[in-house]
Amino acid sequence: SNSASAAMNLYSCVNSCGSSGSELGNINLFHRGCCHNERGDVNSFKSPMQVNREKGFVCVKKENGQECSLDMIKQKYATAKREESKVANEECLAAEDSKIYACPVYLSHCEKFHQRKGTQKSPLRVLELFSGIGSGSLTLKKLRIPLHTVVHCDHDPIANEVCKFNHQRDGIRHVYIDTFEEIYGERSVPDEGMVAELVDDYGPFDLVLAGAPCSNYSGINAKRDASCANAQYLPNVGKLITKLNSIQKKRGMTHGVLFLSENVVFK
């Protein structure tokens, strides 16, 4: 509608400036006034809604000969949020990646990660779960990161053969394990004995790469089912990393294992 469009131009945008249940915009996400047709304070990181709220909602724009009232502005803003949620995002919530980057826990982990710069003196020992054709460890080699051992785990025999071809004669120890269960066990929690044996044989591990099946969490899968057996691999990767950390720290490893897990956002 025209009123919703006008309100959206004045007080909102498709870049998650508004937050559910608030007329102030999302103060946790920085954005400039240019995304509001420069109707806000372009010299600050405040949305037009915040600026108008601080000024007492002084509104001189007239529509149909009537001056905009505060109630009218709020009504238009609420309508705009409903319309925007249909085409842009969920009720003007922050994007998932933005919430992660602003999370205090994430920032704490980033700080600890940067503190480890220069502390790795020996080539990495890598556990590559759901490794496929070994593109994760191949990327590490392309980045010239020294590798000592890479343990690949994938159930697809064809992918494993391609992986072996990709990593032939590179001077790195490559180990191939056929199933995740050979590392993790058959229960909902990791088998400590099996994980400990993995560490004894090929560890301690510095880095875990993982790309577990995600179709049962994907938003485009209308039949997604997080309770099925195939869907358990994704959360089980996290449980395995936790167990791996626990075992290795008991054996004197001073730093936690690094991990890189590629997947969809899931709750």
C-alpha atoms as a PDB file:
ATOM      1  CA  SER A   1       0.000   0.000   0.000  1.00  0.00           C
ATOM      2  CA  ASN A   2       1.033   3.621  -0.434  1.00  0.00           C
ATOM      3  CA  SER A   3       0.943   4.305   3.307  1.00  0.00           C
ATOM      4  CA  ALA A   4       3.147   1.286   4.059  1.00  0.00           C
ATOM      5  CA  SER A   5       5.571   2.322   1.348  1.00  0.00           C
ATOM      6  CA  ALA A   6       5.761   5.855   2.694  1.00  0.00           C
ATOM      7  CA  ALA A   7       6.354   4.648   6.227  1.00  0.00           C
ATOM      8  CA  MET A   8       9.043   2.235   5.049  1.00  0.00           C
ATOM      9  CA  ASN A   9      10.858   5.053   3.241  1.00  0.00           C
ATOM     10  CA  LEU A  10      10.656   7.281   6.283  1.00  0.00           C
ATOM     11  CA  TYR A  11      11.392   4.959   9.138  1.00  0.00           C
ATOM     12  CA  SER A  12      12.583   1.549   8.001  1.00  0.00           C
ATOM     13  CA  CYS A  13      14.446  -0.378   5.320  1.00  0.00           C
ATOM     14  CA  VAL A  14      15.050  -3.932   4.214  1.00  0.00           C
ATOM     15  CA  ASN A  15      18.389  -4.071   6.007  1.00  0.00           C
ATOM     16  CA  SER A  16      17.028  -5.094   9.401  1.00  0.00           C
ATOM     17  CA  CYS A  17      17.002  -1.623  10.960  1.00  0.00           C
ATOM     18  CA  GLY A  18      13.829  -2.282  12.926  1.00  0.00           C
ATOM     19  CA  SER A  19      13.470  -4.837  15.698  1.00  0.00           C
ATOM     20  CA  SER A  20      10.333  -6.647  16.759  1.00  0.00           C
ATOM     21  CA  GLY A  21       8.304  -4.795  19.386  1.00  0.00           C
ATOM     22  CA  SER A  22      10.292  -1.560  19.183  1.00  0.00           C
ATOM     23  CA  GLU A  23       9.882   1.786  17.438  1.00  0.00           C
ATOM     24  CA  LEU A  24      13.532   2.664  17.936  1.00  0.00           C
ATOM     25  CA  GLY A  25      15.158   0.478  15.309  1.00  0.00           C
ATOM     26  CA  ASN A  26      17.823  -2.068  16.096  1.00  0.00           C
ATOM     27  CA  ILE A  27      20.548  -0.217  17.981  1.00  0.00           C
ATOM     28  CA  ASN A  28      22.824  -3.270  17.860  1.00  0.00           C
ATOM     29  CA  LEU A  29      23.245  -3.066  14.083  1.00  0.00           C
ATOM     30  CA  PHE A  30      25.177  -0.101  12.723  1.00  0.00           C
ATOM     31  CA  HIS A  31      23.803   1.516   9.598  1.00  0.00           C
ATOM     32  CA  ARG A  32      23.958   4.940   8.016  1.00  0.00           C
ATOM     33  CA  GLY A  33      21.172   7.279   7.056  1.00  0.00           C
ATOM     34  CA  CYS A  34      21.758   6.727   3.344  1.00  0.00           C
ATOM     35  CA  CYS A  35      19.636   3.583   3.413  1.00  0.00           C
ATOM     36  CA  HIS A  36      16.704   5.771   4.512  1.00  0.00           C
ATOM     37  CA  ASN A  37      16.933   8.223   1.612  1.00  0.00           C
ATOM     38  CA  GLU A  38      19.051  10.405   3.940  1.00  0.00           C
ATOM     39  CA  ARG A  39      16.050  11.321   6.051  1.00  0.00           C
ATOM     40  CA  GLY A  40      17.914  10.406   9.222  1.00  0.00           C
ATOM     41  CA  ASP A  41      21.007  11.889  10.762  1.00  0.00           C
ATOM     42  CA  VAL A  42      23.578  10.907   8.109  1.00  0.00           C
ATOM     43  CA  ASN A  43      26.471  11.839  10.396  1.00  0.00           C
ATOM     44  CA  SER A  44      25.610   9.222  13.008  1.00  0.00           C
ATOM     45  CA  PHE A  45      24.653   5.566  13.203  1.00  0.00           C
ATOM     46  CA  LYS A  46      21.067   6.301  14.202  1.00  0.00           C
ATOM     47  CA  SER A  47      17.984   5.307  12.303  1.00  0.00           C
ATOM     48  CA  PRO A  48      15.402   7.970  11.423  1.00  0.00           C
ATOM     49  CA  MET A  49      13.085   6.419  13.996  1.00  0.00           C
ATOM     50  CA  GLN A  50      15.684   6.964  16.718  1.00  0.00           C
ATOM     51  CA  VAL A  51      16.339  10.537  15.579  1.00  0.00           C
ATOM     52  CA  ASN A  52      12.627  11.399  15.560  1.00  0.00           C
ATOM     53  CA  ARG A  53      12.117   9.793  18.956  1.00  0.00           C
ATOM     54  CA  GLU A  54      14.917  11.894  20.467  1.00  0.00           C
ATOM     55  CA  LYS A  55      13.445  15.056  18.905  1.00  0.00           C
ATOM     56  CA  GLY A  56       9.985  14.264  20.235  1.00  0.00           C
ATOM     57  CA  PHE A  57       8.687  13.122  16.852  1.00  0.00           C
ATOM     58  CA  VAL A  58       8.569  16.604  15.353  1.00  0.00           C
ATOM     59  CA  CYS A  59       6.924  15.937  12.014  1.00  0.00           C
ATOM     60  CA  VAL A  60       6.265  18.661   9.478  1.00  0.00           C
ATOM     61  CA  LYS A  61       5.397  16.412   6.520  1.00  0.00           C
ATOM     62  CA  LYS A  62       1.735  16.535   5.596  1.00  0.00           C
ATOM     63  CA  GLU A  63      -0.272  13.891   3.767  1.00  0.00           C
ATOM     64  CA  ASN A  64      -3.714  14.630   2.331  1.00  0.00           C
ATOM     65  CA  GLY A  65      -3.606  18.039   3.999  1.00  0.00           C
ATOM     66  CA  GLN A  66      -3.267  16.591   7.521  1.00  0.00           C
ATOM     67  CA  GLU A  67      -0.213  16.845   9.732  1.00  0.00           C
ATOM     68  CA  CYS A  68       1.364  13.507  10.699  1.00  0.00           C
ATOM     69  CA  SER A  69       0.605  12.644  14.311  1.00  0.00           C
ATOM     70  CA  LEU A  70       2.692  10.368  16.540  1.00  0.00           C
ATOM     71  CA  ASP A  71      -0.028   7.717  16.481  1.00  0.00           C
ATOM     72  CA  MET A  72      -0.161   7.869  12.697  1.00  0.00           C
ATOM     73  CA  ILE A  73       3.613   7.430  12.454  1.00  0.00           C
ATOM     74  CA  LYS A  74       3.524   4.423  14.791  1.00  0.00           C
ATOM     75  CA  GLN A  75       0.677   2.878  12.819  1.00  0.00           C
ATOM     76  CA  LYS A  76       2.476   3.382   9.514  1.00  0.00           C
ATOM     77  CA  TYR A  77       5.695   1.971  10.978  1.00  0.00           C
ATOM     78  CA  ALA A  78       3.929  -1.160  12.260  1.00  0.00           C
ATOM     79  CA  THR A  79       2.292  -1.681   8.864  1.00  0.00           C
ATOM     80  CA  ALA A  80       5.640  -1.251   7.127  1.00  0.00           C
ATOM     81  CA  LYS A  81       7.255  -3.854   9.378  1.00  0.00           C
ATOM     82  CA  ARG A  82       4.553  -6.400   8.557  1.00  0.00           C
ATOM     83  CA  GLU A  83       4.889  -5.755   4.839  1.00  0.00           C
ATOM     84  CA  GLU A  84       8.673  -5.838   4.968  1.00  0.00           C
ATOM     85  CA  SER A  85       8.765  -9.178   6.789  1.00  0.00           C
ATOM     86  CA  LYS A  86       7.028 -10.798   3.813  1.00  0.00           C
ATOM     87  CA  VAL A  87       9.765  -9.837   1.368  1.00  0.00           C
ATOM     88  CA  ALA A  88      12.922  -9.165   3.396  1.00  0.00           C
ATOM     89  CA  ASN A  89      13.375 -10.847   6.755  1.00  0.00           C
ATOM     90  CA  GLU A  90      11.631 -12.135   9.866  1.00  0.00           C
ATOM     91  CA  GLU A  91       9.886  -9.180  11.472  1.00  0.00           C
ATOM     92  CA  CYS A  92      12.933  -6.982  10.880  1.00  0.00           C
ATOM     93  CA  LEU A  93      15.162  -9.122  13.096  1.00  0.00           C
ATOM     94  CA  ALA A  94      18.916  -8.914  12.737  1.00  0.00           C
ATOM     95  CA  ALA A  95      20.445 -11.230  10.165  1.00  0.00           C
ATOM     96  CA  GLU A  96      21.782 -14.458  11.678  1.00  0.00           C
ATOM     97  CA  ASP A  97      25.391 -13.705  10.758  1.00  0.00           C
ATOM     98  CA  SER A  98      25.121 -10.200  12.243  1.00  0.00           C
ATOM     99  CA  LYS A  99      23.878 -11.619  15.540  1.00  0.00           C
ATOM    100  CA  ILE A 100      26.795 -14.045  15.618  1.00  0.00           C
ATOM    101  CA  TYR A 101      29.397 -11.358  14.938  1.00  0.00           C
ATOM    102  CA  ALA A 102      27.950  -9.131  17.689  1.00  0.00           C
ATOM    103  CA  CYS A 103      27.686 -11.987  20.216  1.00  0.00           C
ATOM    104  CA  PRO A 104      29.963 -11.513  23.283  1.00  0.00           C
ATOM    105  CA  VAL A 105      30.783 -15.243  23.323  1.00  0.00           C
ATOM    106  CA  TYR A 106      31.867 -15.130  19.666  1.00  0.00           C
ATOM    107  CA  LEU A 107      33.985 -12.029  20.303  1.00  0.00           C
ATOM    108  CA  SER A 108      35.627 -13.744  23.279  1.00  0.00           C
ATOM    109  CA  HIS A 109      36.538 -16.754  21.128  1.00  0.00           C
ATOM    110  CA  CYS A 110      37.914 -14.427  18.434  1.00  0.00           C
ATOM    111  CA  GLU A 111      40.150 -12.746  21.005  1.00  0.00           C
ATOM    112  CA  LYS A 112      41.477 -16.107  22.221  1.00  0.00           C
ATOM    113  CA  PHE A 113      42.050 -17.179  18.625  1.00  0.00           C
ATOM    114  CA  HIS A 114      44.149 -14.098  17.860  1.00  0.00           C
ATOM    115  CA  GLN A 115      46.166 -14.667  21.032  1.00  0.00           C
ATOM    116  CA  ARG A 116      47.323 -17.963  19.531  1.00  0.00           C
ATOM    117  CA  LYS A 117      49.041 -16.221  16.633  1.00  0.00           C
ATOM    118  CA  GLY A 118      52.602 -17.448  16.347  1.00  0.00           C
ATOM    119  CA  THR A 119      52.214 -20.153  19.004  1.00  0.00           C
ATOM    120  CA  GLN A 120      51.917 -23.098  16.563  1.00  0.00           C
ATOM    121  CA  LYS A 121      55.462 -24.366  16.130  1.00  0.00           C
ATOM    122  CA  SER A 122      54.863 -27.755  14.489  1.00  0.00           C
ATOM    123  CA  PRO A 123      52.850 -28.893  11.407  1.00  0.00           C
ATOM    124  CA  LEU A 124      49.130 -29.407  12.054  1.00  0.00           C
ATOM    125  CA  ARG A 125      47.388 -32.674  12.723  1.00  0.00           C
ATOM    126  CA  VAL A 126      43.939 -32.417  11.144  1.00  0.00           C
ATOM    127  CA  LEU A 127      40.731 -34.423  11.541  1.00  0.00           C
ATOM    128  CA  GLU A 128      38.607 -33.936   8.417  1.00  0.00           C
ATOM    129  CA  LEU A 129      35.059 -35.232   9.019  1.00  0.00           C
ATOM    130  CA  PHE A 130      32.706 -35.850   6.067  1.00  0.00           C
ATOM    131  CA  SER A 131      35.749 -35.043   3.983  1.00  0.00           C
ATOM    132  CA  GLY A 132      34.340 -35.885   0.537  1.00  0.00           C
ATOM    133  CA  ILE A 133      37.099 -35.398  -2.036  1.00  0.00           C
ATOM    134  CA  GLY A 134      39.366 -33.727   0.541  1.00  0.00           C
ATOM    135  CA  SER A 135      38.831 -30.140  -0.538  1.00  0.00           C
ATOM    136  CA  GLY A 136      39.205 -28.836   3.027  1.00  0.00           C
ATOM    137  CA  SER A 137      42.725 -30.158   3.517  1.00  0.00           C
ATOM    138  CA  LEU A 138      43.520 -29.287  -0.105  1.00  0.00           C
ATOM    139  CA  THR A 139      42.698 -25.663   0.724  1.00  0.00           C
ATOM    140  CA  LEU A 140      45.065 -25.791   3.703  1.00  0.00           C
ATOM    141  CA  LYS A 141      47.830 -26.938   1.390  1.00  0.00           C
ATOM    142  CA  LYS A 142      47.013 -24.180  -1.111  1.00  0.00           C
ATOM    143  CA  LEU A 143      47.371 -21.724   1.789  1.00  0.00           C
ATOM    144  CA  ARG A 144      50.794 -23.282   2.503  1.00  0.00           C
ATOM    145  CA  ILE A 145      49.821 -24.282   6.028  1.00  0.00           C
ATOM    146  CA  PRO A 146      52.230 -27.026   7.154  1.00  0.00           C
ATOM    147  CA  LEU A 147      50.460 -30.350   7.742  1.00  0.00           C
ATOM    148  CA  HIS A 148      51.754 -33.460   9.495  1.00  0.00           C
ATOM    149  CA  THR A 149      48.722 -35.777   9.465  1.00  0.00           C
ATOM    150  CA  VAL A 150      45.229 -35.601   8.003  1.00  0.00           C
ATOM    151  CA  VAL A 151      42.606 -38.154   9.050  1.00  0.00           C
ATOM    152  CA  HIS A 152      39.841 -38.217   6.426  1.00  0.00           C
ATOM    153  CA  CYS A 153      36.430 -39.645   7.286  1.00  0.00           C
ATOM    154  CA  ASP A 154      33.775 -40.244   4.618  1.00  0.00           C
ATOM    155  CA  HIS A 155      31.470 -43.164   3.797  1.00  0.00           C
ATOM    156  CA  ASP A 156      31.524 -42.618   0.016  1.00  0.00           C
ATOM    157  CA  PRO A 157      34.173 -44.911  -1.552  1.00  0.00           C
ATOM    158  CA  ILE A 158      34.266 -42.940  -4.813  1.00  0.00           C
ATOM    159  CA  ALA A 159      34.855 -39.678  -2.946  1.00  0.00           C
ATOM    160  CA  ASN A 160      37.622 -41.380  -0.971  1.00  0.00           C
ATOM    161  CA  GLU A 161      39.355 -42.503  -4.165  1.00  0.00           C
ATOM    162  CA  VAL A 162      39.218 -38.959  -5.554  1.00  0.00           C
ATOM    163  CA  CYS A 163      40.537 -37.689  -2.219  1.00  0.00           C
ATOM    164  CA  LYS A 164      43.497 -40.079  -2.423  1.00  0.00           C
ATOM    165  CA  PHE A 165      44.219 -38.855  -5.939  1.00  0.00           C
ATOM    166  CA  ASN A 166      44.112 -35.216  -4.805  1.00  0.00           C
ATOM    167  CA  HIS A 167      46.607 -35.843  -2.005  1.00  0.00           C
ATOM    168  CA  GLN A 168      49.069 -38.277  -3.543  1.00  0.00           C
ATOM    169  CA  ARG A 169      52.820 -37.856  -3.033  1.00  0.00           C
ATOM    170  CA  ASP A 170      52.546 -34.680  -0.949  1.00  0.00           C
ATOM    171  CA  GLY A 171      54.718 -35.793   1.980  1.00  0.00           C
ATOM    172  CA  ILE A 172      51.756 -35.691   4.401  1.00  0.00           C
ATOM    173  CA  ARG A 173      50.437 -38.667   6.339  1.00  0.00           C
ATOM    174  CA  HIS A 174      46.890 -39.372   5.133  1.00  0.00           C
ATOM    175  CA  VAL A 175      44.595 -41.792   6.968  1.00  0.00           C
ATOM    176  CA  TYR A 176      41.180 -42.864   5.666  1.00  0.00           C
ATOM    177  CA  ILE A 177      38.300 -43.933   7.935  1.00  0.00           C
ATOM    178  CA  ASP A 178      35.116 -45.148   6.274  1.00  0.00           C
ATOM    179  CA  THR A 179      32.403 -44.069   8.722  1.00  0.00           C
ATOM    180  CA  PHE A 180      31.810 -41.433  11.379  1.00  0.00           C
ATOM    181  CA  GLU A 181      30.679 -44.197  13.741  1.00  0.00           C
ATOM    182  CA  GLU A 182      34.189 -45.693  13.747  1.00  0.00           C
ATOM    183  CA  ILE A 183      35.301 -42.519  15.492  1.00  0.00           C
ATOM    184  CA  TYR A 184      32.195 -41.533  17.453  1.00  0.00           C
ATOM    185  CA  GLY A 185      30.466 -44.803  18.308  1.00  0.00           C
ATOM    186  CA  GLU A 186      26.814 -45.788  17.923  1.00  0.00           C
ATOM    187  CA  ARG A 187      25.237 -43.891  20.808  1.00  0.00           C
ATOM    188  CA  SER A 188      24.001 -40.307  21.113  1.00  0.00           C
ATOM    189  CA  VAL A 189      27.152 -39.310  23.006  1.00  0.00           C
ATOM    190  CA  PRO A 190      30.711 -39.976  21.822  1.00  0.00           C
ATOM    191  CA  ASP A 191      32.431 -43.160  22.973  1.00  0.00           C
ATOM    192  CA  GLU A 192      35.341 -41.896  25.084  1.00  0.00           C
ATOM    193  CA  GLY A 193      37.383 -45.036  24.489  1.00  0.00           C
ATOM    194  CA  MET A 194      37.086 -44.773  20.704  1.00  0.00           C
ATOM    195  CA  VAL A 195      37.908 -41.049  20.668  1.00  0.00           C
ATOM    196  CA  ALA A 196      40.878 -41.656  22.977  1.00  0.00           C
ATOM    197  CA  GLU A 197      42.145 -44.390  20.653  1.00  0.00           C
ATOM    198  CA  LEU A 198      41.909 -41.987  17.720  1.00  0.00           C
ATOM    199  CA  VAL A 199      44.004 -39.445  19.637  1.00  0.00           C
ATOM    200  CA  ASP A 200      46.558 -42.097  20.594  1.00  0.00           C
ATOM    201  CA  ASP A 201      46.920 -43.323  17.010  1.00  0.00           C
ATOM    202  CA  TYR A 202      46.896 -40.050  15.053  1.00  0.00           C
ATOM    203  CA  GLY A 203      46.707 -37.092  17.425  1.00  0.00           C
ATOM    204  CA  PRO A 204      46.736 -34.857  19.270  1.00  0.00           C
ATOM    205  CA  PHE A 205      44.666 -32.885  16.773  1.00  0.00           C
ATOM    206  CA  ASP A 206      45.104 -29.167  16.222  1.00  0.00           C
ATOM    207  CA  LEU A 207      42.224 -28.653  13.789  1.00  0.00           C
ATOM    208  CA  VAL A 208      38.885 -30.294  12.965  1.00  0.00           C
ATOM    209  CA  LEU A 209      37.226 -29.689   9.590  1.00  0.00           C
ATOM    210  CA  ALA A 210      33.617 -30.802   9.176  1.00  0.00           C
ATOM    211  CA  GLY A 211      30.783 -30.587   6.675  1.00  0.00           C
ATOM    212  CA  ALA A 212      28.058 -32.797   8.129  1.00  0.00           C
ATOM    213  CA  PRO A 213      24.797 -33.467   6.225  1.00  0.00           C
ATOM    214  CA  CYS A 214      22.479 -30.464   6.633  1.00  0.00           C
ATOM    215  CA  SER A 215      19.431 -31.179   4.457  1.00  0.00           C
ATOM    216  CA  ASN A 216      17.269 -31.823   7.524  1.00  0.00           C
ATOM    217  CA  TYR A 217      17.976 -28.297   8.808  1.00  0.00           C
ATOM    218  CA  SER A 218      17.853 -26.397   5.534  1.00  0.00           C
ATOM    219  CA  GLY A 219      15.068 -23.833   5.199  1.00  0.00           C
ATOM    220  CA  ILE A 220      14.411 -24.844   1.581  1.00  0.00           C
ATOM    221  CA  ASN A 221      13.635 -28.446   2.576  1.00  0.00           C
ATOM    222  CA  ALA A 222       9.887 -28.594   3.166  1.00  0.00           C
ATOM    223  CA  LYS A 223      10.218 -32.122   4.616  1.00  0.00           C
ATOM    224  CA  ARG A 224      13.081 -31.411   7.006  1.00  0.00           C
ATOM    225  CA  ASP A 225      13.136 -33.623  10.072  1.00  0.00           C
ATOM    226  CA  ALA A 226      15.735 -32.877  12.755  1.00  0.00           C
ATOM    227  CA  SER A 227      14.827 -36.078  14.607  1.00  0.00           C
ATOM    228  CA  CYS A 228      15.934 -38.529  11.898  1.00  0.00           C
ATOM    229  CA  ALA A 229      19.214 -40.443  12.136  1.00  0.00           C
ATOM    230  CA  ASN A 230      20.929 -38.528   9.336  1.00  0.00           C
ATOM    231  CA  ALA A 231      20.219 -35.222  11.082  1.00  0.00           C
ATOM    232  CA  GLN A 232      22.185 -36.246  14.188  1.00  0.00           C
ATOM    233  CA  TYR A 233      25.562 -35.945  12.497  1.00  0.00           C
ATOM    234  CA  LEU A 234      25.541 -32.154  12.691  1.00  0.00           C
ATOM    235  CA  PRO A 235      25.065 -31.817  16.482  1.00  0.00           C
ATOM    236  CA  ASN A 236      27.249 -34.881  17.039  1.00  0.00           C
ATOM    237  CA  VAL A 237      30.180 -33.086  15.424  1.00  0.00           C
ATOM    238  CA  GLY A 238      29.954 -30.527  18.238  1.00  0.00           C
ATOM    239  CA  LYS A 239      29.820 -33.277  20.860  1.00  0.00           C
ATOM    240  CA  LEU A 240      32.855 -34.949  19.315  1.00  0.00           C
ATOM    241  CA  ILE A 241      34.870 -31.706  19.366  1.00  0.00           C
ATOM    242  CA  THR A 242      33.983 -31.200  23.044  1.00  0.00           C
ATOM    243  CA  LYS A 243      35.067 -34.742  23.909  1.00  0.00           C
ATOM    244  CA  LEU A 244      38.241 -34.370  21.849  1.00  0.00           C
ATOM    245  CA  ASN A 245      39.115 -31.190  23.739  1.00  0.00           C
ATOM    246  CA  SER A 246      38.510 -32.853  27.082  1.00  0.00           C
ATOM    247  CA  ILE A 247      40.690 -35.873  26.309  1.00  0.00           C
ATOM    248  CA  GLN A 248      43.565 -33.878  24.843  1.00  0.00           C
ATOM    249  CA  LYS A 249      43.664 -31.375  27.707  1.00  0.00           C
ATOM    250  CA  LYS A 250      43.878 -34.264  30.182  1.00  0.00           C
ATOM    251  CA  ARG A 251      46.932 -35.395  28.239  1.00  0.00           C
ATOM    252  CA  GLY A 252      48.694 -32.070  28.510  1.00  0.00           C
ATOM    253  CA  MET A 253      47.604 -30.174  25.410  1.00  0.00           C
ATOM    254  CA  THR A 254      47.664 -26.524  26.457  1.00  0.00           C
ATOM    255  CA  HIS A 255      45.291 -25.105  23.838  1.00  0.00           C
ATOM    256  CA  GLY A 256      41.858 -26.154  22.608  1.00  0.00           C
ATOM    257  CA  VAL A 257      41.368 -27.759  19.224  1.00  0.00           C
ATOM    258  CA  LEU A 258      40.452 -25.348  16.439  1.00  0.00           C
ATOM    259  CA  PHE A 259      37.506 -26.271  14.240  1.00  0.00           C
ATOM    260  CA  LEU A 260      35.850 -25.120  11.045  1.00  0.00           C
ATOM    261  CA  SER A 261      32.373 -26.502  10.408  1.00  0.00           C
ATOM    262  CA  GLU A 262      30.547 -25.553   7.204  1.00  0.00           C
ATOM    263  CA  ASN A 263      26.772 -25.756   7.391  1.00  0.00           C
ATOM    264  CA  VAL A 264      23.405 -24.021   7.504  1.00  0.00           C
ATOM    265  CA  VAL A 265      22.144 -22.005  10.451  1.00  0.00           C
ATOM    266  CA  PHE A 266      20.021 -24.193  12.703  1.00  0.00           C
ATOM    267  CA  LYS A 267      18.295 -23.716  16.057  1.00  0.00           C
END
